[in-house]
Amino acid sequence: MIDKLTLIKTTRMAEEITKKYPLLPPIKHALIHTHREMFVPLAMRHNAYRLDALPIGAQQYISSPLTVAKMTQYLNPHGCDSVLEVGCGSGYQAAVLSHLFRRVFTIERIESLLLEAKERFRTLKLGNIHTRTDDGQNGWEQYAPYDRILFSASARAIPQKLLDQLGEGGILIAPIDQGGKQVITRFTKVRGTITQEPLEVCDFVPILDGVVR
């Protein structure tokens, strides 16, 4: 639950997003009921509800709420049970997903960021989010297959092991590096075959190898 004042702020933010990108009711509801200020560094909280990306430390950013809304809607979460997020960061995207999926699995390679995100999840009583410190390019095989997979960082290509962890009929959304730009791309698995569809140009931090402890 979030307090009434915060609800007013998140509702205004969701309305502003809707003017730029029409949101489906469940996506809008998830944004309204996610306490964005909790995921923004204290010094930046006066900017929490602007449609801008904000620095969170460790050369990482919390995505613009407009970008989070788009990535979430591109997943088409209706009727899905599980989602794997590669790149937890502040935890905001995972928190939004927690209102739409029964189980959210999120991986972060920078341990300090994940510890902070886990504390936010505990404070907000988001008990359906499961976290792991690892190179997200490995996925999380223990709980595969996933109905949906979301990359919150740009990649040159999707590792085969992650495509293997995507369930039949599943959708994977990722920013892909293409010819000097990044393009949000939708990968769909049908009868074991992957098809891909470019959606829009974007700007994400790149996915990196290894773990930082």
N, C-alpha and C. Protein backbone atom coordinates (compact mmCIF):
# COMPACT_ATOMS: atom_id res chain seq x y z
N MET A 1 0.84 -1.20 0.00
CA MET A 1 0.00 0.00 0.00
C MET A 1 0.88 1.25 0.00
N ILE A 2 0.41 2.29 -0.69
CA ILE A 2 1.12 3.56 -0.65
C ILE A 2 0.16 4.63 -0.13
N ASP A 3 0.72 5.68 0.44
CA ASP A 3 -0.10 6.70 1.08
C ASP A 3 -0.84 7.54 0.03
N LYS A 4 -1.83 8.29 0.50
CA LYS A 4 -2.71 9.04 -0.40
C LYS A 4 -1.96 10.09 -1.22
N LEU A 5 -1.01 10.80 -0.58
CA LEU A 5 -0.26 11.84 -1.29
C LEU A 5 0.57 11.21 -2.43
N THR A 6 1.23 10.09 -2.12
CA THR A 6 2.03 9.41 -3.15
C THR A 6 1.13 8.91 -4.27
N LEU A 7 -0.05 8.42 -3.91
CA LEU A 7 -0.99 7.94 -4.92
C LEU A 7 -1.40 9.07 -5.88
N ILE A 8 -1.56 10.26 -5.34
CA ILE A 8 -1.88 11.42 -6.19
C ILE A 8 -0.72 11.68 -7.17
N LYS A 9 0.52 11.60 -6.66
CA LYS A 9 1.69 11.85 -7.49
C LYS A 9 1.85 10.78 -8.58
N THR A 10 1.69 9.51 -8.21
CA THR A 10 1.85 8.44 -9.19
C THR A 10 0.72 8.47 -10.22
N THR A 11 -0.46 8.87 -9.79
CA THR A 11 -1.58 8.98 -10.73
C THR A 11 -1.33 10.08 -11.75
N ARG A 12 -0.84 11.22 -11.27
CA ARG A 12 -0.50 12.32 -12.20
C ARG A 12 0.57 11.87 -13.19
N MET A 13 1.57 11.15 -12.69
CA MET A 13 2.64 10.65 -13.54
C MET A 13 2.08 9.71 -14.61
N ALA A 14 1.20 8.81 -14.19
CA ALA A 14 0.60 7.85 -15.13
C ALA A 14 -0.24 8.57 -16.18
N GLU A 15 -0.93 9.63 -15.78
CA GLU A 15 -1.73 10.41 -16.74
C GLU A 15 -0.82 11.10 -17.74
N GLU A 16 0.33 11.60 -17.26
CA GLU A 16 1.28 12.26 -18.16
C GLU A 16 1.86 11.26 -19.16
N ILE A 17 2.14 10.06 -18.69
CA ILE A 17 2.63 9.00 -19.58
C ILE A 17 1.59 8.66 -20.63
N THR A 18 0.33 8.56 -20.20
CA THR A 18 -0.75 8.18 -21.10
C THR A 18 -0.93 9.17 -22.25
N LYS A 19 -0.61 10.44 -21.99
CA LYS A 19 -0.69 11.45 -23.06
C LYS A 19 0.33 11.17 -24.16
N LYS A 20 1.47 10.56 -23.78
CA LYS A 20 2.53 10.27 -24.73
C LYS A 20 2.44 8.86 -25.30
N TYR A 21 1.88 7.93 -24.49
CA TYR A 21 1.84 6.52 -24.89
C TYR A 21 0.62 5.88 -24.21
N PRO A 22 -0.44 5.58 -24.97
CA PRO A 22 -1.67 5.05 -24.36
C PRO A 22 -1.41 3.74 -23.60
N LEU A 23 -1.76 3.75 -22.32
CA LEU A 23 -1.51 2.60 -21.47
C LEU A 23 -2.75 1.73 -21.32
N LEU A 24 -2.55 0.42 -21.32
CA LEU A 24 -3.64 -0.49 -20.98
C LEU A 24 -3.94 -0.36 -19.49
N PRO A 25 -5.19 -0.54 -19.08
CA PRO A 25 -5.55 -0.34 -17.66
C PRO A 25 -4.67 -1.10 -16.66
N PRO A 26 -4.32 -2.38 -16.88
CA PRO A 26 -3.48 -3.06 -15.88
C PRO A 26 -2.09 -2.44 -15.74
N ILE A 27 -1.52 -1.97 -16.86
CA ILE A 27 -0.19 -1.34 -16.80
C ILE A 27 -0.27 -0.02 -16.04
N LYS A 28 -1.30 0.74 -16.33
CA LYS A 28 -1.50 2.03 -15.65
C LYS A 28 -1.70 1.80 -14.15
N HIS A 29 -2.48 0.80 -13.80
CA HIS A 29 -2.72 0.47 -12.39
C HIS A 29 -1.41 0.11 -11.69
N ALA A 30 -0.55 -0.68 -12.37
CA ALA A 30 0.73 -1.08 -11.77
C ALA A 30 1.62 0.13 -11.51
N LEU A 31 1.66 1.07 -12.45
CA LEU A 31 2.46 2.28 -12.27
C LEU A 31 1.92 3.14 -11.12
N ILE A 32 0.62 3.28 -11.06
CA ILE A 32 0.00 4.10 -10.02
C ILE A 32 0.26 3.52 -8.63
N HIS A 33 0.33 2.20 -8.53
CA HIS A 33 0.47 1.56 -7.23
C HIS A 33 1.91 1.14 -6.91
N THR A 34 2.88 1.73 -7.64
CA THR A 34 4.29 1.50 -7.34
C THR A 34 4.90 2.80 -6.83
N HIS A 35 5.50 2.75 -5.65
CA HIS A 35 6.02 3.92 -4.95
C HIS A 35 7.36 4.34 -5.56
N ARG A 36 7.31 5.13 -6.64
CA ARG A 36 8.54 5.45 -7.38
C ARG A 36 9.58 6.16 -6.52
N GLU A 37 9.15 7.04 -5.64
CA GLU A 37 10.10 7.79 -4.81
C GLU A 37 11.03 6.87 -4.03
N MET A 38 10.54 5.72 -3.63
CA MET A 38 11.33 4.77 -2.85
C MET A 38 12.55 4.27 -3.62
N PHE A 39 12.50 4.33 -4.94
CA PHE A 39 13.56 3.76 -5.77
C PHE A 39 14.53 4.81 -6.30
N VAL A 40 14.31 6.06 -5.91
CA VAL A 40 15.11 7.18 -6.37
C VAL A 40 16.01 7.66 -5.23
N PRO A 41 17.31 7.94 -5.48
CA PRO A 41 18.17 8.45 -4.41
C PRO A 41 17.58 9.70 -3.76
N LEU A 42 17.80 9.85 -2.47
CA LEU A 42 17.20 10.93 -1.68
C LEU A 42 17.41 12.29 -2.33
N ALA A 43 18.59 12.54 -2.83
CA ALA A 43 18.91 13.86 -3.40
C ALA A 43 18.16 14.13 -4.70
N MET A 44 17.58 13.08 -5.30
CA MET A 44 16.89 13.22 -6.59
C MET A 44 15.38 13.11 -6.46
N ARG A 45 14.88 12.96 -5.25
CA ARG A 45 13.46 12.64 -5.09
C ARG A 45 12.52 13.75 -5.56
N HIS A 46 13.02 14.98 -5.62
CA HIS A 46 12.18 16.06 -6.13
C HIS A 46 11.92 15.88 -7.63
N ASN A 47 12.72 15.03 -8.28
CA ASN A 47 12.54 14.74 -9.70
C ASN A 47 11.93 13.36 -9.95
N ALA A 48 11.49 12.70 -8.89
CA ALA A 48 11.07 11.30 -9.01
C ALA A 48 9.97 11.07 -10.03
N TYR A 49 9.06 12.03 -10.18
CA TYR A 49 7.89 11.81 -11.03
C TYR A 49 8.02 12.47 -12.40
N ARG A 50 9.19 13.03 -12.69
CA ARG A 50 9.43 13.54 -14.03
C ARG A 50 9.68 12.35 -14.97
N LEU A 51 9.39 12.54 -16.24
CA LEU A 51 9.57 11.44 -17.19
C LEU A 51 11.00 11.40 -17.70
N ASP A 52 11.94 11.32 -16.75
CA ASP A 52 13.37 11.31 -17.06
C ASP A 52 14.04 10.13 -16.36
N ALA A 53 15.12 9.64 -16.98
CA ALA A 53 15.99 8.68 -16.29
C ALA A 53 16.81 9.45 -15.26
N LEU A 54 17.12 8.79 -14.12
CA LEU A 54 17.86 9.45 -13.05
C LEU A 54 19.01 8.56 -12.59
N PRO A 55 20.18 9.14 -12.25
CA PRO A 55 21.31 8.33 -11.78
C PRO A 55 21.02 7.73 -10.40
N ILE A 56 21.48 6.47 -10.20
CA ILE A 56 21.27 5.79 -8.91
C ILE A 56 22.59 5.34 -8.30
N GLY A 57 23.71 5.70 -8.91
CA GLY A 57 25.02 5.27 -8.43
C GLY A 57 25.54 4.09 -9.23
N ALA A 58 26.84 3.79 -9.05
CA ALA A 58 27.51 2.69 -9.76
C ALA A 58 27.36 2.83 -11.27
N GLN A 59 27.29 4.09 -11.76
CA GLN A 59 27.14 4.40 -13.18
C GLN A 59 25.89 3.77 -13.79
N GLN A 60 24.86 3.62 -12.97
CA GLN A 60 23.59 3.05 -13.41
C GLN A 60 22.49 4.09 -13.26
N TYR A 61 21.35 3.81 -13.91
CA TYR A 61 20.23 4.75 -13.90
C TYR A 61 18.93 4.02 -13.60
N ILE A 62 17.98 4.74 -12.98
CA ILE A 62 16.61 4.28 -12.92
C ILE A 62 15.95 4.82 -14.19
N SER A 63 15.34 3.92 -14.96
CA SER A 63 14.77 4.32 -16.24
C SER A 63 13.65 5.33 -16.05
N SER A 64 13.43 6.12 -17.08
CA SER A 64 12.27 7.01 -17.11
C SER A 64 11.00 6.18 -16.90
N PRO A 65 10.02 6.70 -16.14
CA PRO A 65 8.76 5.96 -15.98
C PRO A 65 8.05 5.71 -17.30
N LEU A 66 8.28 6.59 -18.29
CA LEU A 66 7.71 6.37 -19.62
C LEU A 66 8.33 5.13 -20.26
N THR A 67 9.65 4.98 -20.13
CA THR A 67 10.33 3.80 -20.68
C THR A 67 9.88 2.53 -19.97
N VAL A 68 9.77 2.60 -18.64
CA VAL A 68 9.30 1.44 -17.86
C VAL A 68 7.90 1.04 -18.30
N ALA A 69 7.04 2.03 -18.50
CA ALA A 69 5.67 1.75 -18.94
C ALA A 69 5.66 1.06 -20.29
N LYS A 70 6.47 1.56 -21.23
CA LYS A 70 6.52 0.96 -22.57
C LYS A 70 7.05 -0.47 -22.51
N MET A 71 8.18 -0.66 -21.82
CA MET A 71 8.78 -2.00 -21.74
C MET A 71 7.81 -2.99 -21.12
N THR A 72 7.09 -2.54 -20.09
CA THR A 72 6.11 -3.41 -19.42
C THR A 72 4.97 -3.76 -20.36
N GLN A 73 4.46 -2.78 -21.07
CA GLN A 73 3.33 -3.04 -21.98
C GLN A 73 3.76 -3.91 -23.16
N TYR A 74 4.99 -3.72 -23.64
CA TYR A 74 5.49 -4.56 -24.74
C TYR A 74 5.55 -6.04 -24.34
N LEU A 75 5.71 -6.30 -23.04
CA LEU A 75 5.75 -7.69 -22.56
C LEU A 75 4.41 -8.41 -22.73
N ASN A 76 3.33 -7.64 -22.83
CA ASN A 76 1.99 -8.24 -22.91
C ASN A 76 1.78 -9.23 -21.76
N PRO A 77 1.76 -8.73 -20.52
CA PRO A 77 1.76 -9.62 -19.35
C PRO A 77 0.44 -10.32 -19.04
N HIS A 78 -0.62 -10.00 -19.74
CA HIS A 78 -1.94 -10.57 -19.41
C HIS A 78 -1.91 -12.10 -19.40
N GLY A 79 -2.36 -12.66 -18.30
CA GLY A 79 -2.47 -14.11 -18.19
C GLY A 79 -1.17 -14.84 -17.93
N CYS A 80 -0.09 -14.11 -17.65
CA CYS A 80 1.22 -14.73 -17.43
C CYS A 80 1.47 -14.97 -15.94
N ASP A 81 2.32 -15.96 -15.66
CA ASP A 81 2.64 -16.31 -14.29
C ASP A 81 4.00 -15.78 -13.86
N SER A 82 5.03 -15.96 -14.71
CA SER A 82 6.39 -15.65 -14.28
C SER A 82 7.13 -14.78 -15.29
N VAL A 83 8.00 -13.92 -14.75
CA VAL A 83 8.84 -13.05 -15.59
C VAL A 83 10.24 -13.01 -15.00
N LEU A 84 11.23 -13.03 -15.88
CA LEU A 84 12.63 -12.89 -15.48
C LEU A 84 13.13 -11.55 -15.99
N GLU A 85 13.69 -10.74 -15.07
CA GLU A 85 14.28 -9.46 -15.46
C GLU A 85 15.80 -9.55 -15.38
N VAL A 86 16.48 -9.14 -16.43
CA VAL A 86 17.93 -9.09 -16.47
C VAL A 86 18.34 -7.63 -16.25
N GLY A 87 18.89 -7.34 -15.07
CA GLY A 87 19.30 -5.98 -14.73
C GLY A 87 18.33 -5.33 -13.77
N CYS A 88 18.42 -5.68 -12.48
CA CYS A 88 17.47 -5.18 -11.48
C CYS A 88 17.64 -3.68 -11.22
N GLY A 89 18.90 -3.22 -11.17
CA GLY A 89 19.15 -1.80 -10.89
C GLY A 89 18.52 -1.36 -9.58
N SER A 90 17.74 -0.31 -9.61
CA SER A 90 17.09 0.21 -8.40
C SER A 90 15.98 -0.71 -7.90
N GLY A 91 15.46 -1.54 -8.81
CA GLY A 91 14.34 -2.41 -8.45
C GLY A 91 12.98 -1.89 -8.89
N TYR A 92 12.95 -0.68 -9.47
CA TYR A 92 11.66 -0.07 -9.83
C TYR A 92 10.90 -0.88 -10.89
N GLN A 93 11.61 -1.31 -11.94
CA GLN A 93 10.93 -2.10 -12.97
C GLN A 93 10.36 -3.39 -12.38
N ALA A 94 11.14 -4.06 -11.53
CA ALA A 94 10.67 -5.30 -10.91
C ALA A 94 9.44 -5.03 -10.04
N ALA A 95 9.43 -3.89 -9.34
CA ALA A 95 8.29 -3.54 -8.49
C ALA A 95 7.03 -3.35 -9.32
N VAL A 96 7.17 -2.69 -10.48
CA VAL A 96 6.02 -2.54 -11.38
C VAL A 96 5.54 -3.91 -11.85
N LEU A 97 6.48 -4.76 -12.24
CA LEU A 97 6.12 -6.11 -12.71
C LEU A 97 5.44 -6.94 -11.62
N SER A 98 5.76 -6.66 -10.37
CA SER A 98 5.20 -7.46 -9.26
C SER A 98 3.68 -7.31 -9.15
N HIS A 99 3.13 -6.24 -9.74
CA HIS A 99 1.68 -6.04 -9.72
C HIS A 99 1.00 -6.77 -10.88
N LEU A 100 1.80 -7.32 -11.80
CA LEU A 100 1.25 -7.92 -13.02
C LEU A 100 1.54 -9.41 -13.15
N PHE A 101 2.56 -9.90 -12.42
CA PHE A 101 2.95 -11.31 -12.48
C PHE A 101 2.89 -11.91 -11.07
N ARG A 102 2.56 -13.18 -11.01
CA ARG A 102 2.55 -13.87 -9.70
C ARG A 102 3.96 -14.00 -9.15
N ARG A 103 4.93 -14.24 -10.06
CA ARG A 103 6.32 -14.42 -9.63
C ARG A 103 7.24 -13.57 -10.51
N VAL A 104 8.08 -12.76 -9.85
CA VAL A 104 9.07 -11.93 -10.55
C VAL A 104 10.46 -12.38 -10.10
N PHE A 105 11.31 -12.71 -11.06
CA PHE A 105 12.69 -13.09 -10.79
C PHE A 105 13.59 -12.02 -11.41
N THR A 106 14.46 -11.42 -10.59
CA THR A 106 15.29 -10.33 -11.11
C THR A 106 16.75 -10.55 -10.73
N ILE A 107 17.64 -10.30 -11.69
CA ILE A 107 19.08 -10.55 -11.51
C ILE A 107 19.83 -9.23 -11.66
N GLU A 108 20.82 -9.03 -10.79
CA GLU A 108 21.66 -7.83 -10.86
C GLU A 108 23.11 -8.24 -10.63
N ARG A 109 24.02 -7.72 -11.47
CA ARG A 109 25.44 -8.09 -11.36
C ARG A 109 26.18 -7.26 -10.32
N ILE A 110 25.64 -6.09 -9.93
CA ILE A 110 26.30 -5.23 -8.94
C ILE A 110 25.64 -5.49 -7.58
N GLU A 111 26.36 -6.17 -6.71
CA GLU A 111 25.76 -6.65 -5.46
C GLU A 111 25.20 -5.52 -4.60
N SER A 112 25.91 -4.38 -4.53
CA SER A 112 25.45 -3.28 -3.67
C SER A 112 24.09 -2.76 -4.14
N LEU A 113 23.88 -2.67 -5.46
CA LEU A 113 22.58 -2.23 -5.97
C LEU A 113 21.48 -3.22 -5.61
N LEU A 114 21.81 -4.51 -5.70
CA LEU A 114 20.78 -5.52 -5.41
C LEU A 114 20.41 -5.51 -3.93
N LEU A 115 21.38 -5.31 -3.05
CA LEU A 115 21.08 -5.26 -1.62
C LEU A 115 20.14 -4.09 -1.31
N GLU A 116 20.37 -2.94 -1.97
CA GLU A 116 19.49 -1.80 -1.77
C GLU A 116 18.09 -2.09 -2.32
N ALA A 117 18.03 -2.72 -3.47
CA ALA A 117 16.73 -3.06 -4.06
C ALA A 117 15.97 -4.04 -3.17
N LYS A 118 16.66 -5.02 -2.63
CA LYS A 118 16.01 -6.01 -1.75
C LYS A 118 15.41 -5.34 -0.52
N GLU A 119 16.12 -4.34 0.03
CA GLU A 119 15.60 -3.62 1.19
C GLU A 119 14.34 -2.85 0.83
N ARG A 120 14.31 -2.27 -0.36
CA ARG A 120 13.09 -1.57 -0.81
C ARG A 120 11.93 -2.56 -0.96
N PHE A 121 12.19 -3.71 -1.53
CA PHE A 121 11.13 -4.72 -1.69
C PHE A 121 10.58 -5.13 -0.33
N ARG A 122 11.48 -5.29 0.66
CA ARG A 122 11.04 -5.68 2.01
C ARG A 122 10.18 -4.58 2.62
N THR A 123 10.64 -3.33 2.50
CA THR A 123 9.91 -2.19 3.06
C THR A 123 8.51 -2.09 2.46
N LEU A 124 8.42 -2.34 1.16
CA LEU A 124 7.14 -2.22 0.45
C LEU A 124 6.32 -3.51 0.47
N LYS A 125 6.88 -4.53 1.16
CA LYS A 125 6.20 -5.83 1.30
C LYS A 125 5.86 -6.46 -0.05
N LEU A 126 6.83 -6.39 -0.96
CA LEU A 126 6.68 -7.02 -2.28
C LEU A 126 7.27 -8.42 -2.22
N GLY A 127 6.51 -9.34 -1.65
CA GLY A 127 7.01 -10.67 -1.36
C GLY A 127 7.10 -11.61 -2.55
N ASN A 128 6.60 -11.19 -3.72
CA ASN A 128 6.64 -12.09 -4.88
C ASN A 128 7.83 -11.80 -5.80
N ILE A 129 8.78 -10.96 -5.33
CA ILE A 129 9.98 -10.67 -6.11
C ILE A 129 11.15 -11.49 -5.55
N HIS A 130 11.80 -12.25 -6.41
CA HIS A 130 12.93 -13.10 -6.03
C HIS A 130 14.19 -12.55 -6.68
N THR A 131 15.27 -12.40 -5.92
CA THR A 131 16.46 -11.72 -6.40
C THR A 131 17.68 -12.64 -6.43
N ARG A 132 18.63 -12.27 -7.30
CA ARG A 132 19.85 -13.06 -7.42
C ARG A 132 20.99 -12.15 -7.89
N THR A 133 22.16 -12.25 -7.25
CA THR A 133 23.36 -11.56 -7.73
C THR A 133 24.08 -12.49 -8.68
N ASP A 134 24.17 -12.08 -9.96
CA ASP A 134 24.80 -12.93 -10.96
C ASP A 134 24.94 -12.11 -12.25
N ASP A 135 25.68 -12.65 -13.19
CA ASP A 135 25.70 -12.10 -14.55
C ASP A 135 24.36 -12.49 -15.18
N GLY A 136 23.54 -11.50 -15.45
CA GLY A 136 22.19 -11.77 -15.94
C GLY A 136 22.14 -12.51 -17.25
N GLN A 137 23.25 -12.50 -18.00
CA GLN A 137 23.29 -13.22 -19.27
C GLN A 137 23.22 -14.73 -19.09
N ASN A 138 23.40 -15.19 -17.82
CA ASN A 138 23.24 -16.61 -17.52
C ASN A 138 21.78 -16.99 -17.30
N GLY A 139 20.93 -15.97 -17.09
CA GLY A 139 19.55 -16.26 -16.74
C GLY A 139 19.46 -16.88 -15.35
N TRP A 140 18.36 -17.58 -15.08
CA TRP A 140 18.14 -18.22 -13.78
C TRP A 140 17.44 -19.55 -14.06
N GLU A 141 18.26 -20.53 -14.41
CA GLU A 141 17.74 -21.79 -14.94
C GLU A 141 16.84 -22.54 -13.96
N GLN A 142 17.10 -22.35 -12.66
CA GLN A 142 16.37 -23.09 -11.63
C GLN A 142 14.85 -22.93 -11.75
N TYR A 143 14.39 -21.75 -12.15
CA TYR A 143 12.95 -21.48 -12.17
C TYR A 143 12.39 -21.39 -13.61
N ALA A 144 13.21 -21.70 -14.59
CA ALA A 144 12.75 -21.70 -15.98
C ALA A 144 11.80 -22.88 -16.22
N PRO A 145 10.93 -22.79 -17.23
CA PRO A 145 10.83 -21.72 -18.22
C PRO A 145 10.01 -20.53 -17.70
N TYR A 146 10.27 -19.37 -18.30
CA TYR A 146 9.57 -18.14 -17.94
C TYR A 146 8.59 -17.75 -19.05
N ASP A 147 7.45 -17.22 -18.64
CA ASP A 147 6.48 -16.73 -19.62
C ASP A 147 7.02 -15.50 -20.35
N ARG A 148 7.75 -14.68 -19.62
CA ARG A 148 8.29 -13.45 -20.18
C ARG A 148 9.70 -13.23 -19.64
N ILE A 149 10.56 -12.60 -20.47
CA ILE A 149 11.90 -12.19 -20.05
C ILE A 149 12.09 -10.74 -20.50
N LEU A 150 12.64 -9.92 -19.61
CA LEU A 150 12.84 -8.50 -19.90
C LEU A 150 14.29 -8.12 -19.63
N PHE A 151 14.95 -7.52 -20.60
CA PHE A 151 16.29 -6.95 -20.42
C PHE A 151 16.15 -5.48 -20.07
N SER A 152 16.72 -5.08 -18.94
CA SER A 152 16.73 -3.67 -18.56
C SER A 152 18.10 -3.04 -18.85
N ALA A 153 18.83 -3.64 -19.80
CA ALA A 153 20.10 -3.11 -20.29
C ALA A 153 20.25 -3.58 -21.73
N SER A 154 21.03 -2.84 -22.51
CA SER A 154 21.15 -3.18 -23.94
C SER A 154 22.16 -4.31 -24.15
N ALA A 155 21.89 -5.12 -25.17
CA ALA A 155 22.75 -6.27 -25.49
C ALA A 155 23.06 -6.28 -26.98
N ARG A 156 24.20 -6.86 -27.34
CA ARG A 156 24.53 -7.02 -28.76
C ARG A 156 23.70 -8.15 -29.37
N ALA A 157 23.44 -9.16 -28.54
CA ALA A 157 22.63 -10.31 -28.97
C ALA A 157 22.08 -10.98 -27.72
N ILE A 158 21.05 -11.79 -27.88
CA ILE A 158 20.47 -12.52 -26.75
C ILE A 158 21.18 -13.87 -26.61
N PRO A 159 21.78 -14.15 -25.45
CA PRO A 159 22.44 -15.45 -25.26
C PRO A 159 21.46 -16.61 -25.46
N GLN A 160 21.95 -17.67 -26.09
CA GLN A 160 21.09 -18.82 -26.36
C GLN A 160 20.50 -19.40 -25.08
N LYS A 161 21.27 -19.38 -23.98
CA LYS A 161 20.76 -19.97 -22.73
C LYS A 161 19.52 -19.22 -22.23
N LEU A 162 19.41 -17.92 -22.53
CA LEU A 162 18.21 -17.18 -22.14
C LEU A 162 17.03 -17.52 -23.06
N LEU A 163 17.30 -17.67 -24.33
CA LEU A 163 16.23 -18.10 -25.24
C LEU A 163 15.73 -19.49 -24.85
N ASP A 164 16.65 -20.33 -24.37
CA ASP A 164 16.25 -21.67 -23.92
C ASP A 164 15.37 -21.61 -22.68
N GLN A 165 15.55 -20.56 -21.85
CA GLN A 165 14.77 -20.43 -20.62
C GLN A 165 13.42 -19.76 -20.86
N LEU A 166 13.17 -19.31 -22.07
CA LEU A 166 11.89 -18.71 -22.42
C LEU A 166 10.90 -19.81 -22.77
N GLY A 167 9.73 -19.77 -22.15
CA GLY A 167 8.73 -20.81 -22.36
C GLY A 167 8.10 -20.74 -23.74
N GLU A 168 7.43 -21.81 -24.12
CA GLU A 168 6.69 -21.86 -25.39
C GLU A 168 5.62 -20.77 -25.41
N GLY A 169 5.58 -20.01 -26.50
CA GLY A 169 4.66 -18.89 -26.59
C GLY A 169 5.14 -17.66 -25.84
N GLY A 170 6.36 -17.74 -25.29
CA GLY A 170 6.88 -16.65 -24.47
C GLY A 170 7.38 -15.47 -25.28
N ILE A 171 7.50 -14.33 -24.60
CA ILE A 171 7.99 -13.10 -25.20
C ILE A 171 9.19 -12.60 -24.42
N LEU A 172 10.24 -12.20 -25.14
CA LEU A 172 11.41 -11.58 -24.54
C LEU A 172 11.55 -10.18 -25.15
N ILE A 173 11.67 -9.18 -24.28
CA ILE A 173 11.85 -7.79 -24.73
C ILE A 173 13.24 -7.33 -24.33
N ALA A 174 13.98 -6.79 -25.31
CA ALA A 174 15.35 -6.34 -25.01
C ALA A 174 15.76 -5.21 -25.93
N PRO A 175 16.53 -4.23 -25.40
CA PRO A 175 17.18 -3.24 -26.25
C PRO A 175 18.39 -3.90 -26.93
N ILE A 176 18.43 -3.90 -28.25
CA ILE A 176 19.49 -4.55 -29.00
C ILE A 176 20.32 -3.50 -29.74
N ASP A 177 21.65 -3.63 -29.65
CA ASP A 177 22.55 -2.74 -30.36
C ASP A 177 22.53 -3.08 -31.84
N GLN A 178 22.18 -2.10 -32.66
CA GLN A 178 22.09 -2.31 -34.10
C GLN A 178 22.62 -1.08 -34.83
N GLY A 179 23.76 -1.24 -35.51
CA GLY A 179 24.28 -0.18 -36.36
C GLY A 179 24.44 1.16 -35.68
N GLY A 180 25.01 1.16 -34.47
CA GLY A 180 25.27 2.41 -33.76
C GLY A 180 24.09 2.97 -32.99
N LYS A 181 22.97 2.25 -32.95
CA LYS A 181 21.83 2.67 -32.14
C LYS A 181 21.26 1.46 -31.41
N GLN A 182 20.38 1.74 -30.46
CA GLN A 182 19.71 0.68 -29.72
C GLN A 182 18.25 0.62 -30.16
N VAL A 183 17.74 -0.59 -30.33
CA VAL A 183 16.36 -0.77 -30.76
C VAL A 183 15.67 -1.76 -29.81
N ILE A 184 14.60 -1.32 -29.17
CA ILE A 184 13.81 -2.26 -28.36
C ILE A 184 13.22 -3.30 -29.32
N THR A 185 13.48 -4.56 -29.02
CA THR A 185 13.10 -5.65 -29.91
C THR A 185 12.29 -6.69 -29.16
N ARG A 186 11.23 -7.18 -29.81
CA ARG A 186 10.40 -8.22 -29.22
C ARG A 186 10.74 -9.56 -29.87
N PHE A 187 11.16 -10.52 -29.04
CA PHE A 187 11.45 -11.88 -29.49
C PHE A 187 10.30 -12.78 -29.02
N THR A 188 9.75 -13.58 -29.92
CA THR A 188 8.63 -14.46 -29.58
C THR A 188 9.00 -15.90 -29.92
N LYS A 189 8.69 -16.82 -29.01
CA LYS A 189 9.02 -18.24 -29.21
C LYS A 189 7.75 -19.01 -29.54
N VAL A 190 7.70 -19.58 -30.74
CA VAL A 190 6.55 -20.38 -31.17
C VAL A 190 7.07 -21.70 -31.73
N ARG A 191 6.67 -22.79 -31.10
CA ARG A 191 7.12 -24.15 -31.48
C ARG A 191 8.65 -24.22 -31.54
N GLY A 192 9.27 -23.56 -30.59
CA GLY A 192 10.73 -23.60 -30.49
C GLY A 192 11.47 -22.66 -31.41
N THR A 193 10.75 -21.97 -32.29
CA THR A 193 11.38 -21.04 -33.23
C THR A 193 11.24 -19.61 -32.72
N ILE A 194 12.33 -18.84 -32.80
CA ILE A 194 12.34 -17.46 -32.33
C ILE A 194 12.13 -16.51 -33.51
N THR A 195 11.13 -15.65 -33.41
CA THR A 195 10.96 -14.56 -34.37
C THR A 195 11.23 -13.25 -33.65
N GLN A 196 11.66 -12.23 -34.38
CA GLN A 196 11.94 -10.96 -33.73
C GLN A 196 11.33 -9.79 -34.50
N GLU A 197 10.97 -8.76 -33.73
CA GLU A 197 10.29 -7.60 -34.29
C GLU A 197 10.85 -6.33 -33.65
N PRO A 198 11.42 -5.41 -34.43
CA PRO A 198 11.90 -4.14 -33.88
C PRO A 198 10.71 -3.26 -33.49
N LEU A 199 10.82 -2.57 -32.35
CA LEU A 199 9.70 -1.76 -31.86
C LEU A 199 10.01 -0.27 -31.89
N GLU A 200 11.13 0.14 -31.26
CA GLU A 200 11.48 1.57 -31.30
C GLU A 200 12.91 1.77 -30.85
N VAL A 201 13.48 2.90 -31.26
CA VAL A 201 14.83 3.28 -30.85
C VAL A 201 14.80 3.68 -29.38
N CYS A 202 15.88 3.38 -28.65
CA CYS A 202 15.90 3.64 -27.20
C CYS A 202 17.32 3.98 -26.75
N ASP A 203 17.48 4.16 -25.45
CA ASP A 203 18.79 4.48 -24.88
C ASP A 203 18.90 3.86 -23.50
N PHE A 204 19.64 2.74 -23.40
CA PHE A 204 19.85 2.03 -22.14
C PHE A 204 21.34 1.91 -21.86
N VAL A 205 21.70 1.69 -20.60
CA VAL A 205 23.09 1.35 -20.29
C VAL A 205 23.36 -0.05 -20.85
N PRO A 206 24.60 -0.33 -21.26
CA PRO A 206 24.90 -1.65 -21.85
C PRO A 206 25.00 -2.73 -20.79
N ILE A 207 24.64 -3.94 -21.17
CA ILE A 207 24.83 -5.08 -20.28
C ILE A 207 26.32 -5.40 -20.24
N LEU A 208 26.84 -5.74 -19.06
CA LEU A 208 28.26 -6.02 -18.89
C LEU A 208 28.45 -7.44 -18.34
N ASP A 209 29.62 -7.99 -18.56
CA ASP A 209 29.92 -9.34 -18.11
C ASP A 209 30.34 -9.35 -16.65
N GLY A 210 30.14 -10.50 -16.00
CA GLY A 210 30.65 -10.72 -14.67
C GLY A 210 29.84 -10.11 -13.56
N VAL A 211 30.36 -10.25 -12.33
CA VAL A 211 29.68 -9.80 -11.12
C VAL A 211 30.59 -8.84 -10.35
N VAL A 212 30.01 -7.79 -9.77
CA VAL A 212 30.75 -6.83 -8.94
C VAL A 212 30.28 -6.98 -7.51
N ARG A 213 31.18 -7.42 -6.63
CA ARG A 213 30.81 -7.62 -5.21
C ARG A 213 31.49 -6.58 -4.34
